[in-house]
C-alpha atoms as a PDB file:
ATOM      1  CA  MET A   1      60.432  98.494  56.925  1.00  0.00           C
ATOM      2  CA  LYS A   2      59.635  95.169  57.866  1.00  0.00           C
ATOM      3  CA  ILE A   3      56.820  93.648  55.619  1.00  0.00           C
ATOM      4  CA  ILE A   4      53.894  90.560  56.425  1.00  0.00           C
ATOM      5  CA  LEU A   5      52.230  89.340  53.612  1.00  0.00           C
ATOM      6  CA  VAL A   6      48.843  87.043  54.130  1.00  0.00           C
ATOM      7  CA  PHE A   7      47.880  85.505  51.309  1.00  0.00           C
ATOM      8  CA  SER A   8      44.300  84.280  50.737  1.00  0.00           C
ATOM      9  CA  ASN A   9      43.243  83.242  47.526  1.00  0.00           C
ATOM     10  CA  MET A  10      39.650  85.424  47.884  1.00  0.00           C
ATOM     11  CA  ASP A  11      37.543  86.634  50.386  1.00  0.00           C
ATOM     12  CA  GLN A  12      33.650  86.495  50.036  1.00  0.00           C
ATOM     13  CA  ILE A  13      31.545  88.167  52.970  1.00  0.00           C
ATOM     14  CA  GLY A  14      31.370  85.260  55.244  1.00  0.00           C
ATOM     15  CA  ASP A  15      34.970  83.839  55.642  1.00  0.00           C
ATOM     16  CA  GLY A  16      35.901  87.656  55.663  1.00  0.00           C
ATOM     17  CA  CYS A  17      34.114  88.298  58.729  1.00  0.00           C
ATOM     18  CA  ILE A  18      35.208  85.368  60.439  1.00  0.00           C
ATOM     19  CA  LYS A  19      38.967  86.550  59.743  1.00  0.00           C
ATOM     20  CA  LEU A  20      38.531  89.949  61.328  1.00  0.00           C
ATOM     21  CA  PRO A  21      40.034  88.953  64.749  1.00  0.00           C
ATOM     22  CA  PHE A  22      42.617  87.350  62.989  1.00  0.00           C
ATOM     23  CA  ILE A  23      43.750  90.455  61.194  1.00  0.00           C
ATOM     24  CA  PHE A  24      43.236  92.419  64.043  1.00  0.00           C
ATOM     25  CA  GLU A  25      45.402  89.849  65.944  1.00  0.00           C
ATOM     26  CA  ILE A  26      48.201  90.508  63.161  1.00  0.00           C
ATOM     27  CA  LYS A  27      48.336  94.184  63.765  1.00  0.00           C
ATOM     28  CA  LYS A  28      48.239  94.030  67.158  1.00  0.00           C
ATOM     29  CA  ARG A  29      51.196  91.436  67.549  1.00  0.00           C
ATOM     30  CA  PHE A  30      52.963  92.598  64.446  1.00  0.00           C
ATOM     31  CA  PRO A  31      52.571  96.834  65.223  1.00  0.00           C
ATOM     32  CA  ASP A  32      55.943  97.764  63.363  1.00  0.00           C
ATOM     33  CA  HIS A  33      55.066  95.472  60.444  1.00  0.00           C
ATOM     34  CA  TYR A  34      53.921  97.232  57.219  1.00  0.00           C
ATOM     35  CA  PHE A  35      50.763  94.480  56.756  1.00  0.00           C
ATOM     36  CA  ILE A  36      49.805  93.414  53.206  1.00  0.00           C
ATOM     37  CA  TRP A  37      46.715  91.204  52.475  1.00  0.00           C
ATOM     38  CA  ALA A  38      46.840  89.157  49.159  1.00  0.00           C
ATOM     39  CA  THR A  39      44.557  87.335  46.885  1.00  0.00           C
ATOM     40  CA  ASN A  40      45.111  85.040  43.734  1.00  0.00           C
ATOM     41  CA  THR A  41      42.481  84.269  41.528  1.00  0.00           C
ATOM     42  CA  GLY A  42      39.297  86.097  43.354  1.00  0.00           C
ATOM     43  CA  THR A  43      38.964  89.680  45.171  1.00  0.00           C
ATOM     44  CA  THR A  44      38.631  90.282  48.922  1.00  0.00           C
ATOM     45  CA  VAL A  45      35.847  92.241  50.771  1.00  0.00           C
ATOM     46  CA  TYR A  46      37.962  94.333  52.832  1.00  0.00           C
ATOM     47  CA  ASN A  47      39.105  96.021  49.510  1.00  0.00           C
ATOM     48  CA  SER A  48      34.938  96.510  49.116  1.00  0.00           C
ATOM     49  CA  SER A  49      32.109  96.412  51.497  1.00  0.00           C
ATOM     50  CA  LEU A  50      34.582  95.773  54.724  1.00  0.00           C
ATOM     51  CA  LYS A  51      37.055  98.013  53.655  1.00  0.00           C
ATOM     52  CA  ASN A  52      36.358 101.024  56.163  1.00  0.00           C
ATOM     53  CA  ILE A  53      36.572  98.013  58.698  1.00  0.00           C
ATOM     54  CA  ALA A  54      39.885  96.515  57.065  1.00  0.00           C
ATOM     55  CA  ASN A  55      41.737 100.249  56.693  1.00  0.00           C
ATOM     56  CA  GLU A  56      41.737 100.330  60.633  1.00  0.00           C
ATOM     57  CA  TYR A  57      44.482  97.346  60.452  1.00  0.00           C
ATOM     58  CA  ILE A  58      45.755  96.391  56.872  1.00  0.00           C
ATOM     59  CA  ASP A  59      48.231  98.902  55.106  1.00  0.00           C
ATOM     60  CA  GLU A  60      47.790  97.654  51.487  1.00  0.00           C
ATOM     61  CA  ILE A  61      45.889  94.972  49.641  1.00  0.00           C
ATOM     62  CA  TYR A  62      47.032  93.029  46.246  1.00  0.00           C
ATOM     63  CA  GLU A  63      43.512  91.859  44.326  1.00  0.00           C
ATOM     64  CA  LYS A  64      44.040  88.853  42.029  1.00  0.00           C
ATOM     65  CA  VAL A  65      47.824  88.629  42.211  1.00  0.00           C
ATOM     66  CA  PRO A  66      49.493  86.888  38.851  1.00  0.00           C
ATOM     67  CA  LEU A  67      51.683  84.254  41.287  1.00  0.00           C
ATOM     68  CA  MET A  68      51.996  82.211  38.464  1.00  0.00           C
ATOM     69  CA  ASP A  69      53.492  85.201  36.193  1.00  0.00           C
ATOM     70  CA  PHE A  70      55.975  85.735  38.890  1.00  0.00           C
ATOM     71  CA  PHE A  71      56.790  81.701  39.429  1.00  0.00           C
ATOM     72  CA  LEU A  72      57.146  81.578  35.810  1.00  0.00           C
ATOM     73  CA  LYS A  73      59.445  84.950  35.709  1.00  0.00           C
ATOM     74  CA  ARG A  74      57.192  86.797  33.560  1.00  0.00           C
ATOM     75  CA  LYS A  75      57.100  90.703  34.101  1.00  0.00           C
ATOM     76  CA  ASN A  76      54.508  91.945  36.187  1.00  0.00           C
ATOM     77  CA  GLU A  77      54.147  95.449  37.100  1.00  0.00           C
ATOM     78  CA  LYS A  78      50.755  95.905  38.738  1.00  0.00           C
ATOM     79  CA  TYR A  79      52.321  94.618  42.077  1.00  0.00           C
ATOM     80  CA  ASN A  80      56.079  94.289  43.730  1.00  0.00           C
ATOM     81  CA  LEU A  81      56.549  90.701  44.704  1.00  0.00           C
ATOM     82  CA  LYS A  82      60.292  91.868  44.499  1.00  0.00           C
ATOM     83  CA  HIS A  83      60.258  92.694  48.285  1.00  0.00           C
ATOM     84  CA  ASN A  84      62.000  91.006  50.987  1.00  0.00           C
ATOM     85  CA  PHE A  85      58.976  89.671  53.305  1.00  0.00           C
ATOM     86  CA  ASP A  86      59.916  89.213  56.894  1.00  0.00           C
ATOM     87  CA  ILE A  87      56.732  87.273  57.368  1.00  0.00           C
ATOM     88  CA  ILE A  88      54.399  85.037  54.335  1.00  0.00           C
ATOM     89  CA  ILE A  89      51.500  83.524  56.303  1.00  0.00           C
ATOM     90  CA  ASP A  90      49.741  81.004  53.468  1.00  0.00           C
ATOM     91  CA  THR A  91      46.524  80.610  54.493  1.00  0.00           C
ATOM     92  CA  GLN A  92      45.262  78.768  51.709  1.00  0.00           C
ATOM     93  CA  LYS A  93      46.324  74.718  50.862  1.00  0.00           C
ATOM     94  CA  ALA A  94      46.763  74.460  46.971  1.00  0.00           C
ATOM     95  CA  VAL A  95      50.025  73.401  46.504  1.00  0.00           C
ATOM     96  CA  LEU A  96      50.775  74.983  43.336  1.00  0.00           C
ATOM     97  CA  ARG A  97      49.924  78.618  44.692  1.00  0.00           C
ATOM     98  CA  SER A  98      52.081  77.788  48.093  1.00  0.00           C
ATOM     99  CA  ILE A  99      55.097  76.452  45.877  1.00  0.00           C
ATOM    100  CA  ALA A 100      54.748  79.700  44.285  1.00  0.00           C
ATOM    101  CA  LEU A 101      54.817  82.043  47.121  1.00  0.00           C
ATOM    102  CA  LYS A 102      57.626  80.063  48.405  1.00  0.00           C
ATOM    103  CA  THR A 103      59.735  81.160  45.754  1.00  0.00           C
ATOM    104  CA  LEU A 104      59.328  84.801  47.208  1.00  0.00           C
ATOM    105  CA  ASN A 105      62.091  86.520  49.219  1.00  0.00           C
ATOM    106  CA  CYS A 106      61.005  85.574  52.716  1.00  0.00           C
ATOM    107  CA  LYS A 107      62.260  85.145  56.314  1.00  0.00           C
ATOM    108  CA  THR A 108      59.761  83.335  57.289  1.00  0.00           C
ATOM    109  CA  PHE A 109      57.403  81.492  55.206  1.00  0.00           C
ATOM    110  CA  ILE A 110      54.410  79.712  56.985  1.00  0.00           C
ATOM    111  CA  SER A 111      51.838  77.799  55.068  1.00  0.00           C
ATOM    112  CA  SER A 112      49.982  74.271  56.338  1.00  0.00           C
ATOM    113  CA  SER A 113      49.498  73.481  52.696  1.00  0.00           C
ATOM    114  CA  ALA A 114      50.847  69.747  51.947  1.00  0.00           C
ATOM    115  CA  LYS A 115      50.413  68.930  55.703  1.00  0.00           C
ATOM    116  CA  TRP A 116      53.137  71.999  56.737  1.00  0.00           C
ATOM    117  CA  PHE A 117      55.566  70.571  53.837  1.00  0.00           C
ATOM    118  CA  PHE A 118      56.712  73.987  52.686  1.00  0.00           C
ATOM    119  CA  SER A 119      56.508  75.786  56.317  1.00  0.00           C
ATOM    120  CA  ASP A 120      59.723  76.967  57.414  1.00  0.00           C
ATOM    121  CA  ILE A 121      58.180  76.219  60.983  1.00  0.00           C
ATOM    122  CA  LYS A 122      56.230  73.068  61.686  1.00  0.00           C
ATOM    123  CA  PRO A 123      54.101  72.343  64.555  1.00  0.00           C
ATOM    124  CA  LYS A 124      54.814  69.229  66.692  1.00  0.00           C
ATOM    125  CA  ASN A 125      52.669  66.314  65.624  1.00  0.00           C
ATOM    126  CA  TYR A 126      51.398  68.075  62.685  1.00  0.00           C
ATOM    127  CA  ASN A 127      50.143  64.896  60.831  1.00  0.00           C
ATOM    128  CA  ASN A 128      47.505  64.409  63.579  1.00  0.00           C
ATOM    129  CA  PHE A 129      46.801  68.438  63.707  1.00  0.00           C
ATOM    130  CA  LYS A 130      43.145  69.472  63.014  1.00  0.00           C
ATOM    131  CA  ASN A 131      41.086  71.935  64.213  1.00  0.00           C
ATOM    132  CA  ASN A 132      37.067  72.092  63.414  1.00  0.00           C
ATOM    133  CA  TYR A 133      36.919  75.808  63.818  1.00  0.00           C
ATOM    134  CA  TYR A 134      38.423  77.685  60.779  1.00  0.00           C
ATOM    135  CA  LEU A 135      39.658  80.735  62.910  1.00  0.00           C
ATOM    136  CA  ASP A 136      41.364  78.533  64.795  1.00  0.00           C
ATOM    137  CA  ASP A 137      43.493  77.384  62.231  1.00  0.00           C
ATOM    138  CA  LEU A 138      44.491  80.826  61.674  1.00  0.00           C
ATOM    139  CA  PHE A 139      45.206  81.461  64.992  1.00  0.00           C
ATOM    140  CA  PHE A 140      47.446  78.312  65.231  1.00  0.00           C
ATOM    141  CA  MET A 141      49.766  79.812  62.437  1.00  0.00           C
ATOM    142  CA  ILE A 142      50.394  82.922  64.167  1.00  0.00           C
ATOM    143  CA  ASN A 143      51.127  81.206  67.290  1.00  0.00           C
ATOM    144  CA  LEU A 144      53.953  79.667  65.608  1.00  0.00           C
ATOM    145  CA  ILE A 145      55.640  82.839  65.315  1.00  0.00           C
ATOM    146  CA  SER A 146      54.919  84.781  67.649  1.00  0.00           C
ATOM    147  CA  SER A 147      53.724  83.487  71.592  1.00  0.00           C
ATOM    148  CA  ASP A 148      53.092  87.054  72.791  1.00  0.00           C
ATOM    149  CA  LYS A 149      49.671  86.747  72.539  1.00  0.00           C
ATOM    150  CA  ASN A 150      47.580  90.103  72.504  1.00  0.00           C
ATOM    151  CA  ASN A 151      45.373  90.414  75.448  1.00  0.00           C
ATOM    152  CA  GLU A 152      43.029  92.686  73.960  1.00  0.00           C
ATOM    153  CA  THR A 153      39.611  91.241  72.980  1.00  0.00           C
ATOM    154  CA  PHE A 154      38.211  92.042  69.216  1.00  0.00           C
ATOM    155  CA  GLU A 155      35.413  94.310  68.962  1.00  0.00           C
ATOM    156  CA  LEU A 156      34.159  96.058  65.897  1.00  0.00           C
ATOM    157  CA  LYS A 157      33.987  99.868  66.227  1.00  0.00           C
ATOM    158  CA  PHE A 158      31.301 101.279  63.990  1.00  0.00           C
ATOM    159  CA  PRO A 159      31.405 104.870  62.674  1.00  0.00           C
ATOM    160  CA  GLN A 160      29.439 107.220  65.373  1.00  0.00           C
ATOM    161  CA  LYS A 161      27.233 108.815  62.494  1.00  0.00           C
ATOM    162  CA  LEU A 162      26.011 105.039  61.566  1.00  0.00           C
ATOM    163  CA  ILE A 163      25.287 104.324  65.229  1.00  0.00           C
ATOM    164  CA  THR A 164      23.268 107.592  65.533  1.00  0.00           C
ATOM    165  CA  ILE A 165      21.355 106.653  62.391  1.00  0.00           C
ATOM    166  CA  LEU A 166      20.689 103.178  63.709  1.00  0.00           C
ATOM    167  CA  ASP A 167      19.811 104.729  67.512  1.00  0.00           C
ATOM    168  CA  ASN A 168      16.901 106.636  65.607  1.00  0.00           C
ATOM    169  CA  LEU A 169      15.709 103.689  63.256  1.00  0.00           C
ATOM    170  CA  PHE A 170      15.460 101.305  65.850  1.00  0.00           C
ATOM    171  CA  ASN A 171      12.610 101.911  68.974  1.00  0.00           C
ATOM    172  CA  LYS A 172      13.956 101.426  72.048  1.00  0.00           C
ATOM    173  CA  LYS A 173      10.477 100.763  73.410  1.00  0.00           C
ATOM    174  CA  LYS A 174       9.869  97.612  70.521  1.00  0.00           C
ATOM    175  CA  SER A 175      11.378  94.607  70.186  1.00  0.00           C
ATOM    176  CA  TYR A 176      13.103  93.390  66.849  1.00  0.00           C
ATOM    177  CA  ILE A 177      14.050  89.647  65.641  1.00  0.00           C
ATOM    178  CA  GLY A 178      16.632  89.587  62.545  1.00  0.00           C
ATOM    179  CA  PHE A 179      15.798  87.371  59.463  1.00  0.00           C
ATOM    180  CA  ALA A 180      19.005  86.286  56.991  1.00  0.00           C
ATOM    181  CA  PRO A 181      17.145  84.136  54.653  1.00  0.00           C
ATOM    182  CA  GLY A 182      20.105  83.548  51.659  1.00  0.00           C
ATOM    183  CA  SER A 183      22.605  82.453  50.418  1.00  0.00           C
ATOM    184  CA  LYS A 184      24.563  81.998  47.163  1.00  0.00           C
ATOM    185  CA  VAL A 185      24.600  78.371  47.495  1.00  0.00           C
ATOM    186  CA  LYS A 186      20.891  77.393  46.974  1.00  0.00           C
ATOM    187  CA  ASN A 187      21.233  73.904  48.954  1.00  0.00           C
ATOM    188  CA  LYS A 188      22.382  75.980  52.003  1.00  0.00           C
ATOM    189  CA  MET A 189      18.975  77.747  52.151  1.00  0.00           C
ATOM    190  CA  TRP A 190      15.761  76.807  54.249  1.00  0.00           C
ATOM    191  CA  LYS A 191      12.482  77.864  52.389  1.00  0.00           C
ATOM    192  CA  LEU A 192      12.054  81.331  52.462  1.00  0.00           C
ATOM    193  CA  GLU A 193       8.176  80.414  53.472  1.00  0.00           C
ATOM    194  CA  ASN A 194       9.622  78.849  56.787  1.00  0.00           C
ATOM    195  CA  TYR A 195      11.057  82.265  57.453  1.00  0.00           C
ATOM    196  CA  ILE A 196       8.067  83.841  56.720  1.00  0.00           C
ATOM    197  CA  LYS A 197       6.463  81.533  59.499  1.00  0.00           C
ATOM    198  CA  LEU A 198       8.639  82.599  61.473  1.00  0.00           C
ATOM    199  CA  ALA A 199       8.168  86.085  61.436  1.00  0.00           C
ATOM    200  CA  LEU A 200       4.183  85.849  61.617  1.00  0.00           C
ATOM    201  CA  TYR A 201       4.764  83.562  64.537  1.00  0.00           C
ATOM    202  CA  PHE A 202       6.721  86.296  66.695  1.00  0.00           C
ATOM    203  CA  GLU A 203       5.209  89.419  64.998  1.00  0.00           C
ATOM    204  CA  ASN A 204       1.825  88.081  66.509  1.00  0.00           C
ATOM    205  CA  LEU A 205       3.782  88.416  70.055  1.00  0.00           C
ATOM    206  CA  GLY A 206       4.782  91.931  69.595  1.00  0.00           C
ATOM    207  CA  PHE A 207       8.399  91.338  67.735  1.00  0.00           C
ATOM    208  CA  ILE A 208       9.080  93.163  64.441  1.00  0.00           C
ATOM    209  CA  PRO A 209      10.642  91.454  61.679  1.00  0.00           C
ATOM    210  CA  THR A 210      13.683  92.820  60.240  1.00  0.00           C
ATOM    211  CA  PHE A 211      15.089  91.355  57.284  1.00  0.00           C
ATOM    212  CA  PHE A 212      18.626  91.291  56.049  1.00  0.00           C
ATOM    213  CA  LEU A 213      18.977  90.291  51.886  1.00  0.00           C
ATOM    214  CA  GLY A 214      22.132  90.028  50.283  1.00  0.00           C
ATOM    215  CA  PRO A 215      22.289  90.811  46.682  1.00  0.00           C
ATOM    216  CA  GLU A 216      21.126  87.563  45.408  1.00  0.00           C
ATOM    217  CA  GLU A 217      18.002  88.064  47.402  1.00  0.00           C
ATOM    218  CA  ILE A 218      16.616  91.462  46.492  1.00  0.00           C
ATOM    219  CA  ASN A 219      13.517  89.197  44.773  1.00  0.00           C
ATOM    220  CA  PHE A 220      12.573  88.136  48.095  1.00  0.00           C
ATOM    221  CA  LYS A 221      10.980  91.240  48.968  1.00  0.00           C
ATOM    222  CA  LYS A 222       8.117  91.767  47.116  1.00  0.00           C
ATOM    223  CA  TYR A 223       6.843  88.261  48.314  1.00  0.00           C
ATOM    224  CA  ILE A 224       7.947  89.097  52.260  1.00  0.00           C
ATOM    225  CA  ILE A 225       6.290  92.567  52.151  1.00  0.00           C
ATOM    226  CA  GLU A 226       3.154  90.658  51.062  1.00  0.00           C
ATOM    227  CA  LYS A 227       3.327  88.673  53.714  1.00  0.00           C
ATOM    228  CA  LEU A 228       4.787  90.883  56.403  1.00  0.00           C
ATOM    229  CA  PRO A 229       3.581  94.449  55.471  1.00  0.00           C
ATOM    230  CA  ASN A 230       5.540  95.896  58.672  1.00  0.00           C
ATOM    231  CA  THR A 231       8.812  94.159  57.953  1.00  0.00           C
ATOM    232  CA  LEU A 232      12.100  96.148  58.408  1.00  0.00           C
ATOM    233  CA  PHE A 233      14.791  96.463  56.294  1.00  0.00           C
ATOM    234  CA  PRO A 234      17.372  98.506  57.626  1.00  0.00           C
ATOM    235  CA  GLU A 235      19.871  98.140  54.563  1.00  0.00           C
ATOM    236  CA  GLU A 236      17.299 100.065  52.072  1.00  0.00           C
ATOM    237  CA  LEU A 237      16.938 102.745  54.581  1.00  0.00           C
ATOM    238  CA  ILE A 238      20.327 103.945  55.066  1.00  0.00           C
ATOM    239  CA  SER A 239      22.878 105.280  51.702  1.00  0.00           C
ATOM    240  CA  GLU A 240      25.814 106.544  53.508  1.00  0.00           C
ATOM    241  CA  PHE A 241      27.252 102.833  54.590  1.00  0.00           C
ATOM    242  CA  SER A 242      27.551  99.295  52.946  1.00  0.00           C
ATOM    243  CA  GLY A 243      25.152  96.894  53.529  1.00  0.00           C
ATOM    244  CA  PRO A 244      27.715  94.866  55.565  1.00  0.00           C
ATOM    245  CA  GLU A 245      28.476  97.492  57.966  1.00  0.00           C
ATOM    246  CA  ILE A 246      25.008  98.205  58.256  1.00  0.00           C
ATOM    247  CA  THR A 247      24.179  94.699  58.985  1.00  0.00           C
ATOM    248  CA  MET A 248      26.955  93.982  61.641  1.00  0.00           C
ATOM    249  CA  ALA A 249      26.052  97.108  63.427  1.00  0.00           C
ATOM    250  CA  SER A 250      21.753  96.584  63.771  1.00  0.00           C
ATOM    251  CA  SER A 251      22.261  92.895  65.048  1.00  0.00           C
ATOM    252  CA  LYS A 252      23.260  94.606  68.620  1.00  0.00           C
ATOM    253  CA  TYR A 253      19.464  96.376  68.084  1.00  0.00           C
ATOM    254  CA  LEU A 254      18.031  92.681  67.763  1.00  0.00           C
ATOM    255  CA  ARG A 255      16.241  90.170  70.381  1.00  0.00           C
ATOM    256  CA  CYS A 256      17.721  87.259  67.961  1.00  0.00           C
ATOM    257  CA  SER A 257      18.327  86.570  64.782  1.00  0.00           C
ATOM    258  CA  VAL A 258      17.938  83.365  62.637  1.00  0.00           C
ATOM    259  CA  GLY A 259      19.790  82.549  59.343  1.00  0.00           C
ATOM    260  CA  ASN A 260      21.283  80.043  56.559  1.00  0.00           C
ATOM    261  CA  ASP A 261      25.337  79.112  57.373  1.00  0.00           C
ATOM    262  CA  ALA A 262      25.903  82.063  54.919  1.00  0.00           C
ATOM    263  CA  GLY A 263      27.600  85.157  54.860  1.00  0.00           C
ATOM    264  CA  THR A 264      24.636  87.654  56.040  1.00  0.00           C
ATOM    265  CA  ALA A 265      24.058  85.333  59.052  1.00  0.00           C
ATOM    266  CA  GLN A 266      27.906  85.669  59.887  1.00  0.00           C
ATOM    267  CA  LEU A 267      27.525  89.441  60.018  1.00  0.00           C
ATOM    268  CA  LEU A 268      24.510  89.216  62.331  1.00  0.00           C
ATOM    269  CA  SER A 269      26.652  87.367  64.919  1.00  0.00           C
ATOM    270  CA  PHE A 270      28.727  90.718  65.675  1.00  0.00           C
ATOM    271  CA  GLY A 271      26.389  92.104  68.076  1.00  0.00           C
ATOM    272  CA  ASN A 272      26.310  89.596  70.874  1.00  0.00           C
ATOM    273  CA  THR A 273      22.574  88.915  70.702  1.00  0.00           C
ATOM    274  CA  PRO A 274      21.333  85.374  70.214  1.00  0.00           C
ATOM    275  CA  LEU A 275      21.905  83.868  66.411  1.00  0.00           C
ATOM    276  CA  ILE A 276      20.443  80.649  65.399  1.00  0.00           C
ATOM    277  CA  LYS A 277      22.297  79.306  62.191  1.00  0.00           C
ATOM    278  CA  LEU A 278      20.606  76.973  60.289  1.00  0.00           C
ATOM    279  CA  VAL A 279      22.708  74.045  58.665  1.00  0.00           C
ATOM    280  CA  GLY A 280      22.724  71.522  55.811  1.00  0.00           C
ATOM    281  CA  PRO A 281      25.031  70.201  54.055  1.00  0.00           C
ATOM    282  CA  THR A 282      27.826  71.827  55.022  1.00  0.00           C
ATOM    283  CA  ASN A 283      30.421  71.648  58.284  1.00  0.00           C
ATOM    284  CA  SER A 284      28.378  73.238  61.268  1.00  0.00           C
ATOM    285  CA  LYS A 285      31.918  73.517  62.986  1.00  0.00           C
ATOM    286  CA  LYS A 286      34.183  74.366  60.677  1.00  0.00           C
ATOM    287  CA  PHE A 287      32.423  78.094  60.390  1.00  0.00           C
ATOM    288  CA  THR A 288      30.897  78.935  63.273  1.00  0.00           C
ATOM    289  CA  PRO A 289      32.908  80.462  66.008  1.00  0.00           C
ATOM    290  CA  HIS A 290      33.419  79.637  69.644  1.00  0.00           C
ATOM    291  CA  LEU A 291      30.593  82.309  71.187  1.00  0.00           C
ATOM    292  CA  ASN A 292      28.167  81.771  73.791  1.00  0.00           C
ATOM    293  CA  ASN A 293      25.635  83.867  71.541  1.00  0.00           C
ATOM    294  CA  PHE A 294      25.906  81.065  68.616  1.00  0.00           C
ATOM    295  CA  TYR A 295      23.073  78.168  68.433  1.00  0.00           C
ATOM    296  CA  ILE A 296      23.176  75.771  65.697  1.00  0.00           C
ATOM    297  CA  ILE A 297      20.156  73.487  64.346  1.00  0.00           C
ATOM    298  CA  ASP A 298      21.565  70.995  61.952  1.00  0.00           C
ATOM    299  CA  SER A 299      19.640  68.995  59.383  1.00  0.00           C
ATOM    300  CA  LYS A 300      21.901  65.911  59.949  1.00  0.00           C
ATOM    301  CA  ASN A 301      20.749  65.658  63.397  1.00  0.00           C
ATOM    302  CA  TYR A 302      17.412  64.893  61.473  1.00  0.00           C
ATOM    303  CA  GLY A 303      19.230  62.369  59.572  1.00  0.00           C
ATOM    304  CA  SER A 304      19.449  64.486  56.087  1.00  0.00           C
ATOM    305  CA  LYS A 305      21.855  66.923  54.554  1.00  0.00           C
ATOM    306  CA  ASN A 306      18.924  68.681  53.156  1.00  0.00           C
ATOM    307  CA  ILE A 307      18.296  71.845  55.297  1.00  0.00           C
ATOM    308  CA  ASN A 308      14.567  71.965  54.945  1.00  0.00           C
ATOM    309  CA  ILE A 309      14.126  68.913  57.157  1.00  0.00           C
ATOM    310  CA  ILE A 310      14.480  71.403  60.083  1.00  0.00           C
ATOM    311  CA  PRO A 311      11.095  71.789  61.311  1.00  0.00           C
ATOM    312  CA  VAL A 312       9.740  75.205  61.712  1.00  0.00           C
ATOM    313  CA  ASP A 313       8.389  74.105  65.305  1.00  0.00           C
ATOM    314  CA  ASP A 314      12.105  73.288  66.288  1.00  0.00           C
ATOM    315  CA  VAL A 315      13.354  76.518  65.516  1.00  0.00           C
ATOM    316  CA  ILE A 316      10.554  78.034  67.207  1.00  0.00           C
ATOM    317  CA  LYS A 317      11.314  76.347  70.488  1.00  0.00           C
ATOM    318  CA  LEU A 318      14.691  77.235  70.568  1.00  0.00           C
ATOM    319  CA  MET A 319      14.115  81.139  69.434  1.00  0.00           C
ATOM    320  CA  HIS A 320      11.686  81.161  72.702  1.00  0.00           C
ATOM    321  CA  LYS A 321      14.323  79.703  74.671  1.00  0.00           C
ATOM    322  CA  VAL A 322      17.407  82.177  73.705  1.00  0.00           C
ATOM    323  CA  ILE A 323      14.667  85.514  73.848  1.00  0.00           C
END
């Protein structure tokens, strides 16, 4: 049995969404390989909120693999790291982890760590290699070991039961605008009051405000309802599926969405409807896919890394344009 191992330090919801086309591509290019996804210090959403989706492609998940134990020859009974791996793709760049992975039995080891020093295959002119978008880097690594590019376009397939529920939830005669005001990182958050102003403005034009809140933003709900009593919260109305699945599937029912550079906004990109991402201190290009439905408003274009320098009126203007 051929085995491919992809190693990630951890996968939170935002980067987990970004990597979905990557895991799709691996399974399509290496259909005869047993596909193992592994993390080291953290967990992966592929084993929790995105499990139903990831199960279509990943055969087995190793979480919190004790790499140092194996590297130091300590006994490890939880995971079998003694496989003769055919391919290992190291998607992180911490040198010590890469060294530990390199000690595993493997025919082809791919890693960009330490300027590709440990990689069995190195790109030409790799010292000058730099991609702005994170997913480009991952595809670059696949292309080093496989020239058979898959012609299929990645498209999420949601359970028919979920689609039926959403068809009944969203009235086809009405228009909805999505808002993702949260983030685990506080300095990436545009003020909630600004989102309320946007929602009130477009509600007056006949749009129904639809809010998507992560676990960190549950306390937002009371304030939102106080200001916008007619707000729709799809995740709270559906219990059979995970919040991320509901958010991703709901995105195709929205005329437009607005959110911070965080996981929930990333989820709203899967419906191929316009998504406006508000960016402050982060790199606006690194985690933004090359899709026609993505629009960026970056605070650095206003001379500051503070996301709250972005004017509400400028967001309204762009929303009018994309709607």
